[in-house]
Amino acid sequence: MPVQDDRSENLSHPLGSVGGMEVHDAGAVREATDLLAAAVAALDLGSMLPATHRELVALGERIERTGRTVKSMAAARVAESAVWKADRDRSAEDWLARTTGTTRAEAARELQTGRDLQAATHPSPPKKTSAKPSPKPPKPPAEPAKAPSPDPEPARPEPAPATPATDS
């Protein structure tokens, strides 16, 4: 969804595109989060059957997985940019740890997970290297020629073709 809400002034380009690339914001996810929070607040677990509770457990797990995915991938993108530096943290890991209330080690794992998910879902094109061709790796030494192995049985001569008998 292109940028069209009142938060567009926070983007680098308020027209919704930068260099021909359409810019999206978090509006749809924000709206879905608000709807989900309202739905959870309105739950009356006492009026539900145990089968419904079981379904809610499965839905809660799906919500958690989805939330972890978006958090990991977005955090990895923040780490690639300079945005995290605005909060004066020493590293992207420090920024994420402070922002999410986790340890630096957990934040580092989260960022790596986000990078891995990005690589799996949006593989980047191969990076160009210097104009010089890379040197060829040295050839491995040639293996010495092996003597042919002797046949387990010596070759037997083929029988001569039978000649038809002639009557005289």
N, C-alpha and C. Protein backbone atom coordinates (compact mmCIF):
# COMPACT_ATOMS: atom_id res chain seq x y z
N MET A 1 0.85 -1.16 0.00
CA MET A 1 0.00 0.00 0.00
C MET A 1 0.90 1.23 0.00
N PRO A 2 0.75 2.12 -0.96
CA PRO A 2 1.58 3.32 -1.01
C PRO A 2 1.30 4.24 0.16
N VAL A 3 2.25 5.08 0.43
CA VAL A 3 2.14 6.02 1.53
C VAL A 3 1.03 7.00 1.23
N GLN A 4 0.03 7.07 2.12
CA GLN A 4 -1.03 8.04 1.93
C GLN A 4 -1.60 8.53 3.24
N ASP A 5 -1.03 8.10 4.37
CA ASP A 5 -1.61 8.56 5.63
C ASP A 5 -0.87 9.78 6.15
N ASP A 6 -1.29 10.26 7.32
CA ASP A 6 -0.72 11.48 7.87
C ASP A 6 0.70 11.30 8.36
N ARG A 7 1.24 10.10 8.35
CA ARG A 7 2.61 9.88 8.79
C ARG A 7 3.60 10.01 7.65
N SER A 8 3.15 10.31 6.45
CA SER A 8 4.04 10.37 5.29
C SER A 8 5.09 11.47 5.42
N GLU A 9 4.84 12.46 6.28
CA GLU A 9 5.84 13.52 6.41
C GLU A 9 7.12 13.00 7.06
N ASN A 10 7.07 11.83 7.67
CA ASN A 10 8.27 11.26 8.27
C ASN A 10 9.13 10.51 7.27
N LEU A 11 8.62 10.31 6.06
CA LEU A 11 9.37 9.59 5.05
C LEU A 11 10.27 10.56 4.30
N SER A 12 11.27 9.99 3.64
CA SER A 12 12.21 10.84 2.91
C SER A 12 11.55 11.47 1.69
N HIS A 13 10.49 10.88 1.19
CA HIS A 13 9.81 11.43 0.01
C HIS A 13 8.31 11.25 0.17
N PRO A 14 7.56 12.32 0.40
CA PRO A 14 6.14 12.21 0.71
C PRO A 14 5.23 11.83 -0.45
N LEU A 15 5.75 11.75 -1.68
CA LEU A 15 4.88 11.43 -2.81
C LEU A 15 4.64 9.94 -2.97
N GLY A 16 5.28 9.12 -2.16
CA GLY A 16 5.03 7.69 -2.24
C GLY A 16 5.96 6.94 -3.16
N SER A 17 6.88 7.63 -3.80
CA SER A 17 7.87 6.92 -4.62
C SER A 17 9.20 7.63 -4.54
N VAL A 18 10.23 6.85 -4.63
CA VAL A 18 11.59 7.38 -4.61
C VAL A 18 12.34 6.71 -5.74
N GLY A 19 12.82 7.50 -6.68
CA GLY A 19 13.58 6.93 -7.78
C GLY A 19 12.81 5.87 -8.55
N GLY A 20 11.51 6.03 -8.69
CA GLY A 20 10.70 5.07 -9.42
C GLY A 20 10.27 3.87 -8.60
N MET A 21 10.74 3.77 -7.37
CA MET A 21 10.37 2.66 -6.50
C MET A 21 9.23 3.10 -5.59
N GLU A 22 8.16 2.31 -5.56
CA GLU A 22 7.02 2.65 -4.72
C GLU A 22 7.40 2.45 -3.26
N VAL A 23 7.06 3.43 -2.43
CA VAL A 23 7.38 3.38 -1.01
C VAL A 23 6.13 2.94 -0.25
N HIS A 24 6.29 1.98 0.63
CA HIS A 24 5.19 1.48 1.44
C HIS A 24 5.44 1.85 2.90
N ASP A 25 4.36 1.95 3.66
CA ASP A 25 4.52 2.19 5.09
C ASP A 25 3.92 1.02 5.85
N ALA A 26 3.89 1.14 7.14
CA ALA A 26 3.41 0.05 8.00
C ALA A 26 1.92 0.17 8.29
N GLY A 27 1.21 0.95 7.50
CA GLY A 27 -0.20 1.20 7.75
C GLY A 27 -1.05 -0.05 7.86
N ALA A 28 -0.92 -0.97 6.93
CA ALA A 28 -1.75 -2.18 6.94
C ALA A 28 -1.45 -3.03 8.17
N VAL A 29 -0.18 -3.14 8.51
CA VAL A 29 0.19 -3.93 9.69
C VAL A 29 -0.27 -3.21 10.96
N ARG A 30 -0.14 -1.89 10.99
CA ARG A 30 -0.60 -1.11 12.13
C ARG A 30 -2.10 -1.31 12.34
N GLU A 31 -2.89 -1.23 11.26
CA GLU A 31 -4.33 -1.41 11.35
C GLU A 31 -4.68 -2.83 11.83
N ALA A 32 -4.00 -3.83 11.26
CA ALA A 32 -4.26 -5.21 11.67
C ALA A 32 -3.90 -5.41 13.14
N THR A 33 -2.83 -4.79 13.59
CA THR A 33 -2.43 -4.90 14.99
C THR A 33 -3.48 -4.27 15.90
N ASP A 34 -3.97 -3.11 15.51
CA ASP A 34 -5.01 -2.44 16.30
C ASP A 34 -6.28 -3.30 16.36
N LEU A 35 -6.67 -3.88 15.23
CA LEU A 35 -7.85 -4.74 15.20
C LEU A 35 -7.65 -5.98 16.07
N LEU A 36 -6.47 -6.56 16.00
CA LEU A 36 -6.17 -7.74 16.80
C LEU A 36 -6.20 -7.41 18.28
N ALA A 37 -5.58 -6.29 18.66
CA ALA A 37 -5.56 -5.90 20.06
C ALA A 37 -6.98 -5.67 20.57
N ALA A 38 -7.83 -5.06 19.75
CA ALA A 38 -9.23 -4.83 20.15
C ALA A 38 -9.98 -6.16 20.28
N ALA A 39 -9.73 -7.09 19.37
CA ALA A 39 -10.40 -8.39 19.41
C ALA A 39 -9.99 -9.17 20.66
N VAL A 40 -8.71 -9.11 21.00
CA VAL A 40 -8.22 -9.81 22.19
C VAL A 40 -8.80 -9.17 23.45
N ALA A 41 -8.86 -7.85 23.49
CA ALA A 41 -9.41 -7.17 24.66
C ALA A 41 -10.89 -7.52 24.86
N ALA A 42 -11.60 -7.81 23.78
CA ALA A 42 -13.03 -8.11 23.87
C ALA A 42 -13.31 -9.59 24.15
N LEU A 43 -12.28 -10.43 24.19
CA LEU A 43 -12.49 -11.87 24.42
C LEU A 43 -13.10 -12.12 25.79
N ASP A 44 -14.04 -13.01 25.83
CA ASP A 44 -14.62 -13.47 27.09
C ASP A 44 -14.40 -14.97 27.13
N LEU A 45 -13.23 -15.37 27.63
CA LEU A 45 -12.86 -16.78 27.64
C LEU A 45 -13.84 -17.63 28.44
N GLY A 46 -14.50 -17.05 29.44
CA GLY A 46 -15.45 -17.79 30.25
C GLY A 46 -16.69 -18.23 29.49
N SER A 47 -16.98 -17.56 28.40
CA SER A 47 -18.18 -17.91 27.63
C SER A 47 -17.86 -18.80 26.43
N MET A 48 -16.62 -19.29 26.38
CA MET A 48 -16.21 -20.10 25.23
C MET A 48 -16.03 -21.56 25.63
N LEU A 49 -16.20 -22.42 24.64
CA LEU A 49 -16.01 -23.85 24.85
C LEU A 49 -14.52 -24.19 24.84
N PRO A 50 -14.13 -25.28 25.47
CA PRO A 50 -12.73 -25.69 25.45
C PRO A 50 -12.16 -25.86 24.03
N ALA A 51 -12.98 -26.29 23.10
CA ALA A 51 -12.51 -26.42 21.71
C ALA A 51 -12.12 -25.06 21.15
N THR A 52 -12.84 -24.03 21.54
CA THR A 52 -12.51 -22.67 21.11
C THR A 52 -11.22 -22.21 21.76
N HIS A 53 -11.02 -22.57 23.04
CA HIS A 53 -9.76 -22.23 23.71
C HIS A 53 -8.58 -22.87 22.97
N ARG A 54 -8.77 -24.14 22.56
CA ARG A 54 -7.71 -24.83 21.82
C ARG A 54 -7.41 -24.10 20.52
N GLU A 55 -8.43 -23.64 19.82
CA GLU A 55 -8.23 -22.89 18.58
C GLU A 55 -7.50 -21.58 18.86
N LEU A 56 -7.84 -20.92 19.96
CA LEU A 56 -7.17 -19.67 20.32
C LEU A 56 -5.69 -19.89 20.62
N VAL A 57 -5.35 -21.03 21.20
CA VAL A 57 -3.93 -21.35 21.44
C VAL A 57 -3.20 -21.43 20.11
N ALA A 58 -3.79 -22.13 19.14
CA ALA A 58 -3.16 -22.25 17.82
C ALA A 58 -3.06 -20.88 17.14
N LEU A 59 -4.11 -20.09 17.26
CA LEU A 59 -4.08 -18.75 16.67
C LEU A 59 -3.02 -17.88 17.34
N GLY A 60 -2.92 -17.99 18.67
CA GLY A 60 -1.89 -17.23 19.39
C GLY A 60 -0.50 -17.59 18.92
N GLU A 61 -0.25 -18.87 18.69
CA GLU A 61 1.06 -19.29 18.19
C GLU A 61 1.32 -18.72 16.80
N ARG A 62 0.31 -18.74 15.97
CA ARG A 62 0.47 -18.17 14.62
C ARG A 62 0.75 -16.67 14.69
N ILE A 63 0.05 -15.98 15.58
CA ILE A 63 0.27 -14.55 15.76
C ILE A 63 1.70 -14.29 16.23
N GLU A 64 2.18 -15.09 17.19
CA GLU A 64 3.55 -14.92 17.68
C GLU A 64 4.57 -15.14 16.58
N ARG A 65 4.40 -16.21 15.80
CA ARG A 65 5.35 -16.49 14.71
C ARG A 65 5.36 -15.36 13.69
N THR A 66 4.17 -14.88 13.36
CA THR A 66 4.08 -13.79 12.39
C THR A 66 4.74 -12.53 12.94
N GLY A 67 4.49 -12.23 14.20
CA GLY A 67 5.10 -11.07 14.83
C GLY A 67 6.61 -11.17 14.89
N ARG A 68 7.12 -12.36 15.23
CA ARG A 68 8.58 -12.55 15.27
C ARG A 68 9.18 -12.38 13.89
N THR A 69 8.49 -12.85 12.87
CA THR A 69 9.00 -12.73 11.50
C THR A 69 9.10 -11.27 11.09
N VAL A 70 8.02 -10.51 11.29
CA VAL A 70 8.06 -9.11 10.88
C VAL A 70 9.09 -8.34 11.70
N LYS A 71 9.20 -8.65 12.99
CA LYS A 71 10.17 -7.96 13.85
C LYS A 71 11.60 -8.27 13.40
N SER A 72 11.89 -9.53 13.15
CA SER A 72 13.24 -9.92 12.74
C SER A 72 13.64 -9.30 11.42
N MET A 73 12.74 -9.39 10.44
CA MET A 73 13.07 -8.86 9.11
C MET A 73 13.19 -7.35 9.11
N ALA A 74 12.29 -6.67 9.84
CA ALA A 74 12.36 -5.21 9.90
C ALA A 74 13.60 -4.76 10.66
N ALA A 75 13.93 -5.45 11.75
CA ALA A 75 15.12 -5.09 12.52
C ALA A 75 16.38 -5.26 11.69
N ALA A 76 16.43 -6.31 10.87
CA ALA A 76 17.59 -6.51 10.01
C ALA A 76 17.73 -5.37 9.01
N ARG A 77 16.60 -4.88 8.51
CA ARG A 77 16.65 -3.75 7.58
C ARG A 77 17.08 -2.46 8.30
N VAL A 78 16.62 -2.27 9.53
CA VAL A 78 17.06 -1.11 10.31
C VAL A 78 18.57 -1.20 10.52
N ALA A 79 19.07 -2.40 10.82
CA ALA A 79 20.51 -2.59 11.06
C ALA A 79 21.33 -2.26 9.82
N GLU A 80 20.77 -2.52 8.62
CA GLU A 80 21.47 -2.21 7.37
C GLU A 80 21.55 -0.71 7.12
N SER A 81 20.66 0.04 7.73
CA SER A 81 20.59 1.48 7.50
C SER A 81 21.30 2.22 8.64
N ALA A 82 21.17 3.52 8.61
CA ALA A 82 21.74 4.34 9.70
C ALA A 82 20.65 4.77 10.68
N VAL A 83 19.45 4.28 10.52
CA VAL A 83 18.33 4.72 11.36
C VAL A 83 18.60 4.45 12.84
N TRP A 84 19.18 3.31 13.15
CA TRP A 84 19.42 2.97 14.56
C TRP A 84 20.41 3.93 15.21
N LYS A 85 21.25 4.59 14.43
CA LYS A 85 22.24 5.52 14.99
C LYS A 85 21.60 6.77 15.57
N ALA A 86 20.39 7.09 15.13
CA ALA A 86 19.70 8.29 15.63
C ALA A 86 19.45 8.20 17.13
N ASP A 87 19.37 7.00 17.67
CA ASP A 87 19.14 6.82 19.10
C ASP A 87 20.45 6.74 19.89
N ARG A 88 21.56 6.98 19.21
CA ARG A 88 22.90 7.05 19.82
C ARG A 88 23.35 5.74 20.45
N ASP A 89 22.90 4.64 19.89
CA ASP A 89 23.38 3.33 20.36
C ASP A 89 24.70 3.03 19.68
N ARG A 90 25.51 2.18 20.33
CA ARG A 90 26.83 1.85 19.77
C ARG A 90 26.75 0.92 18.58
N SER A 91 25.69 0.10 18.51
CA SER A 91 25.54 -0.85 17.42
C SER A 91 24.06 -1.13 17.21
N ALA A 92 23.77 -1.76 16.09
CA ALA A 92 22.39 -2.15 15.82
C ALA A 92 21.91 -3.17 16.85
N GLU A 93 22.82 -4.04 17.31
CA GLU A 93 22.46 -5.00 18.34
C GLU A 93 22.08 -4.30 19.64
N ASP A 94 22.84 -3.27 20.02
CA ASP A 94 22.52 -2.50 21.22
C ASP A 94 21.17 -1.79 21.06
N TRP A 95 20.94 -1.23 19.87
CA TRP A 95 19.66 -0.56 19.62
C TRP A 95 18.50 -1.53 19.78
N LEU A 96 18.61 -2.72 19.16
CA LEU A 96 17.51 -3.68 19.22
C LEU A 96 17.32 -4.21 20.64
N ALA A 97 18.41 -4.46 21.35
CA ALA A 97 18.30 -4.94 22.73
C ALA A 97 17.57 -3.91 23.60
N ARG A 98 17.94 -2.65 23.45
CA ARG A 98 17.29 -1.60 24.23
C ARG A 98 15.84 -1.43 23.82
N THR A 99 15.58 -1.46 22.53
CA THR A 99 14.22 -1.25 22.01
C THR A 99 13.27 -2.37 22.42
N THR A 100 13.75 -3.59 22.45
CA THR A 100 12.88 -4.74 22.72
C THR A 100 13.02 -5.29 24.13
N GLY A 101 13.93 -4.72 24.92
CA GLY A 101 14.10 -5.19 26.29
C GLY A 101 14.75 -6.56 26.40
N THR A 102 15.63 -6.88 25.47
CA THR A 102 16.32 -8.17 25.49
C THR A 102 17.81 -7.94 25.71
N THR A 103 18.55 -9.02 25.75
CA THR A 103 20.00 -8.90 25.88
C THR A 103 20.61 -8.61 24.51
N ARG A 104 21.84 -8.18 24.52
CA ARG A 104 22.55 -7.92 23.27
C ARG A 104 22.72 -9.21 22.47
N ALA A 105 22.99 -10.32 23.16
CA ALA A 105 23.15 -11.61 22.47
C ALA A 105 21.85 -12.03 21.80
N GLU A 106 20.73 -11.86 22.50
CA GLU A 106 19.43 -12.20 21.90
C GLU A 106 19.15 -11.29 20.71
N ALA A 107 19.50 -10.03 20.83
CA ALA A 107 19.29 -9.09 19.72
C ALA A 107 20.14 -9.49 18.52
N ALA A 108 21.37 -9.91 18.77
CA ALA A 108 22.24 -10.33 17.67
C ALA A 108 21.64 -11.54 16.95
N ARG A 109 21.10 -12.50 17.72
CA ARG A 109 20.46 -13.67 17.11
C ARG A 109 19.23 -13.25 16.31
N GLU A 110 18.47 -12.31 16.85
CA GLU A 110 17.28 -11.81 16.16
C GLU A 110 17.64 -11.16 14.83
N LEU A 111 18.70 -10.35 14.84
CA LEU A 111 19.14 -9.70 13.60
C LEU A 111 19.61 -10.72 12.59
N GLN A 112 20.33 -11.74 13.04
CA GLN A 112 20.79 -12.78 12.12
C GLN A 112 19.61 -13.56 11.55
N THR A 113 18.62 -13.82 12.38
CA THR A 113 17.41 -14.49 11.89
C THR A 113 16.75 -13.65 10.81
N GLY A 114 16.66 -12.35 11.04
CA GLY A 114 16.07 -11.46 10.05
C GLY A 114 16.84 -11.46 8.75
N ARG A 115 18.17 -11.44 8.84
CA ARG A 115 18.99 -11.49 7.62
C ARG A 115 18.77 -12.81 6.88
N ASP A 116 18.71 -13.90 7.64
CA ASP A 116 18.50 -15.21 7.03
C ASP A 116 17.14 -15.29 6.35
N LEU A 117 16.11 -14.75 7.00
CA LEU A 117 14.77 -14.76 6.41
C LEU A 117 14.73 -13.91 5.14
N GLN A 118 15.40 -12.76 5.16
CA GLN A 118 15.45 -11.92 3.97
C GLN A 118 16.15 -12.64 2.84
N ALA A 119 17.25 -13.30 3.14
CA ALA A 119 17.99 -14.01 2.10
C ALA A 119 17.16 -15.14 1.52
N ALA A 120 16.37 -15.79 2.37
CA ALA A 120 15.56 -16.91 1.90
C ALA A 120 14.36 -16.44 1.07
N THR A 121 13.79 -15.30 1.43
CA THR A 121 12.59 -14.84 0.74
C THR A 121 12.87 -13.84 -0.37
N HIS A 122 13.97 -13.13 -0.28
CA HIS A 122 14.32 -12.13 -1.29
C HIS A 122 15.82 -12.23 -1.59
N PRO A 123 16.23 -13.26 -2.33
CA PRO A 123 17.65 -13.40 -2.60
C PRO A 123 18.18 -12.18 -3.35
N SER A 124 19.32 -11.69 -2.93
CA SER A 124 19.89 -10.52 -3.59
C SER A 124 20.72 -10.97 -4.78
N PRO A 125 20.84 -10.10 -5.79
CA PRO A 125 21.65 -10.47 -6.95
C PRO A 125 23.11 -10.60 -6.53
N PRO A 126 23.89 -11.37 -7.28
CA PRO A 126 25.29 -11.53 -6.92
C PRO A 126 26.00 -10.19 -6.91
N LYS A 127 26.85 -10.00 -5.94
CA LYS A 127 27.57 -8.74 -5.83
C LYS A 127 28.69 -8.71 -6.84
N LYS A 128 28.87 -7.51 -7.44
CA LYS A 128 29.94 -7.34 -8.40
C LYS A 128 31.25 -7.19 -7.65
N THR A 129 32.27 -7.80 -8.19
CA THR A 129 33.59 -7.67 -7.59
C THR A 129 34.42 -6.72 -8.42
N SER A 130 35.67 -6.61 -8.14
CA SER A 130 36.54 -5.68 -8.87
C SER A 130 36.59 -6.08 -10.34
N ALA A 131 37.02 -5.13 -11.19
CA ALA A 131 37.07 -5.38 -12.62
C ALA A 131 38.12 -6.43 -12.97
N LYS A 132 39.11 -6.61 -12.12
CA LYS A 132 40.15 -7.60 -12.41
C LYS A 132 39.57 -8.99 -12.22
N PRO A 133 39.86 -9.86 -13.17
CA PRO A 133 39.40 -11.24 -12.95
C PRO A 133 40.14 -11.86 -11.79
N SER A 134 39.46 -12.69 -11.06
CA SER A 134 40.11 -13.33 -9.93
C SER A 134 41.13 -14.33 -10.43
N PRO A 135 42.24 -14.45 -9.72
CA PRO A 135 43.25 -15.41 -10.18
C PRO A 135 42.69 -16.82 -10.08
N LYS A 136 43.10 -17.63 -11.06
CA LYS A 136 42.64 -19.01 -11.05
C LYS A 136 43.33 -19.75 -9.93
N PRO A 137 42.60 -20.62 -9.28
CA PRO A 137 43.25 -21.39 -8.23
C PRO A 137 44.26 -22.35 -8.86
N PRO A 138 45.34 -22.64 -8.14
CA PRO A 138 46.34 -23.54 -8.72
C PRO A 138 45.72 -24.91 -8.96
N LYS A 139 46.20 -25.54 -10.05
CA LYS A 139 45.70 -26.87 -10.37
C LYS A 139 46.27 -27.86 -9.38
N PRO A 140 45.47 -28.82 -8.98
CA PRO A 140 46.01 -29.83 -8.08
C PRO A 140 47.02 -30.68 -8.84
N PRO A 141 48.01 -31.24 -8.14
CA PRO A 141 49.00 -32.05 -8.83
C PRO A 141 48.31 -33.23 -9.51
N ALA A 142 48.82 -33.54 -10.69
CA ALA A 142 48.25 -34.64 -11.44
C ALA A 142 48.50 -35.95 -10.70
N GLU A 143 47.51 -36.81 -10.72
CA GLU A 143 47.69 -38.10 -10.07
C GLU A 143 48.56 -38.98 -10.96
N PRO A 144 49.46 -39.77 -10.36
CA PRO A 144 50.28 -40.64 -11.20
C PRO A 144 49.38 -41.65 -11.91
N ALA A 145 49.79 -41.97 -13.12
CA ALA A 145 49.00 -42.92 -13.90
C ALA A 145 49.03 -44.27 -13.21
N LYS A 146 47.89 -44.87 -13.15
CA LYS A 146 47.81 -46.18 -12.51
C LYS A 146 48.00 -47.26 -13.57
N ALA A 147 48.70 -48.29 -13.17
CA ALA A 147 48.87 -49.43 -14.08
C ALA A 147 47.53 -50.12 -14.19
N PRO A 148 47.22 -50.61 -15.40
CA PRO A 148 45.94 -51.29 -15.53
C PRO A 148 45.91 -52.51 -14.62
N SER A 149 44.79 -52.71 -14.02
CA SER A 149 44.68 -53.85 -13.12
C SER A 149 44.53 -55.12 -13.94
N PRO A 150 45.18 -56.18 -13.45
CA PRO A 150 45.07 -57.43 -14.22
C PRO A 150 43.66 -57.97 -14.12
N ASP A 151 43.20 -58.58 -15.21
CA ASP A 151 41.89 -59.19 -15.22
C ASP A 151 41.90 -60.36 -14.25
N PRO A 152 40.81 -60.59 -13.55
CA PRO A 152 40.79 -61.71 -12.62
C PRO A 152 40.90 -63.05 -13.35
N GLU A 153 40.36 -63.12 -14.56
CA GLU A 153 40.50 -64.35 -15.35
C GLU A 153 41.14 -63.98 -16.67
N PRO A 154 42.07 -64.79 -17.12
CA PRO A 154 42.66 -64.50 -18.43
C PRO A 154 41.60 -64.66 -19.52
N ALA A 155 41.75 -63.90 -20.54
CA ALA A 155 40.78 -63.97 -21.65
C ALA A 155 40.92 -65.31 -22.35
N ARG A 156 39.80 -65.92 -22.63
CA ARG A 156 39.80 -67.20 -23.33
C ARG A 156 39.53 -66.94 -24.80
N PRO A 157 40.19 -67.71 -25.63
CA PRO A 157 39.92 -67.51 -27.07
C PRO A 157 38.49 -67.91 -27.39
N GLU A 158 37.91 -67.19 -28.30
CA GLU A 158 36.55 -67.49 -28.71
C GLU A 158 36.56 -68.73 -29.59
N PRO A 159 35.55 -69.57 -29.44
CA PRO A 159 35.52 -70.77 -30.31
C PRO A 159 35.32 -70.36 -31.77
N ALA A 160 35.91 -71.15 -32.65
CA ALA A 160 35.78 -70.87 -34.09
C ALA A 160 34.36 -71.13 -34.50
N PRO A 161 33.85 -70.33 -35.43
CA PRO A 161 32.48 -70.55 -35.87
C PRO A 161 32.34 -71.92 -36.53
N ALA A 162 31.23 -72.54 -36.27
CA ALA A 162 31.00 -73.87 -36.83
C ALA A 162 30.79 -73.77 -38.32
N THR A 163 31.40 -74.71 -39.05
CA THR A 163 31.24 -74.70 -40.51
C THR A 163 30.20 -75.77 -40.83
N PRO A 164 29.36 -75.49 -41.75
CA PRO A 164 28.35 -76.49 -42.08
C PRO A 164 29.02 -77.73 -42.69
N ALA A 165 28.53 -78.87 -42.34
CA ALA A 165 29.08 -80.14 -42.86
C ALA A 165 28.59 -80.30 -44.28
N THR A 166 29.48 -80.76 -45.09
CA THR A 166 29.09 -80.96 -46.51
C THR A 166 29.02 -82.43 -46.80
N ASP A 167 28.07 -82.90 -47.54
CA ASP A 167 27.91 -84.29 -47.95
C ASP A 167 28.55 -84.45 -49.32
N SER A 168 29.38 -85.44 -49.44
CA SER A 168 29.95 -85.69 -50.74
C SER A 168 29.53 -86.98 -51.28
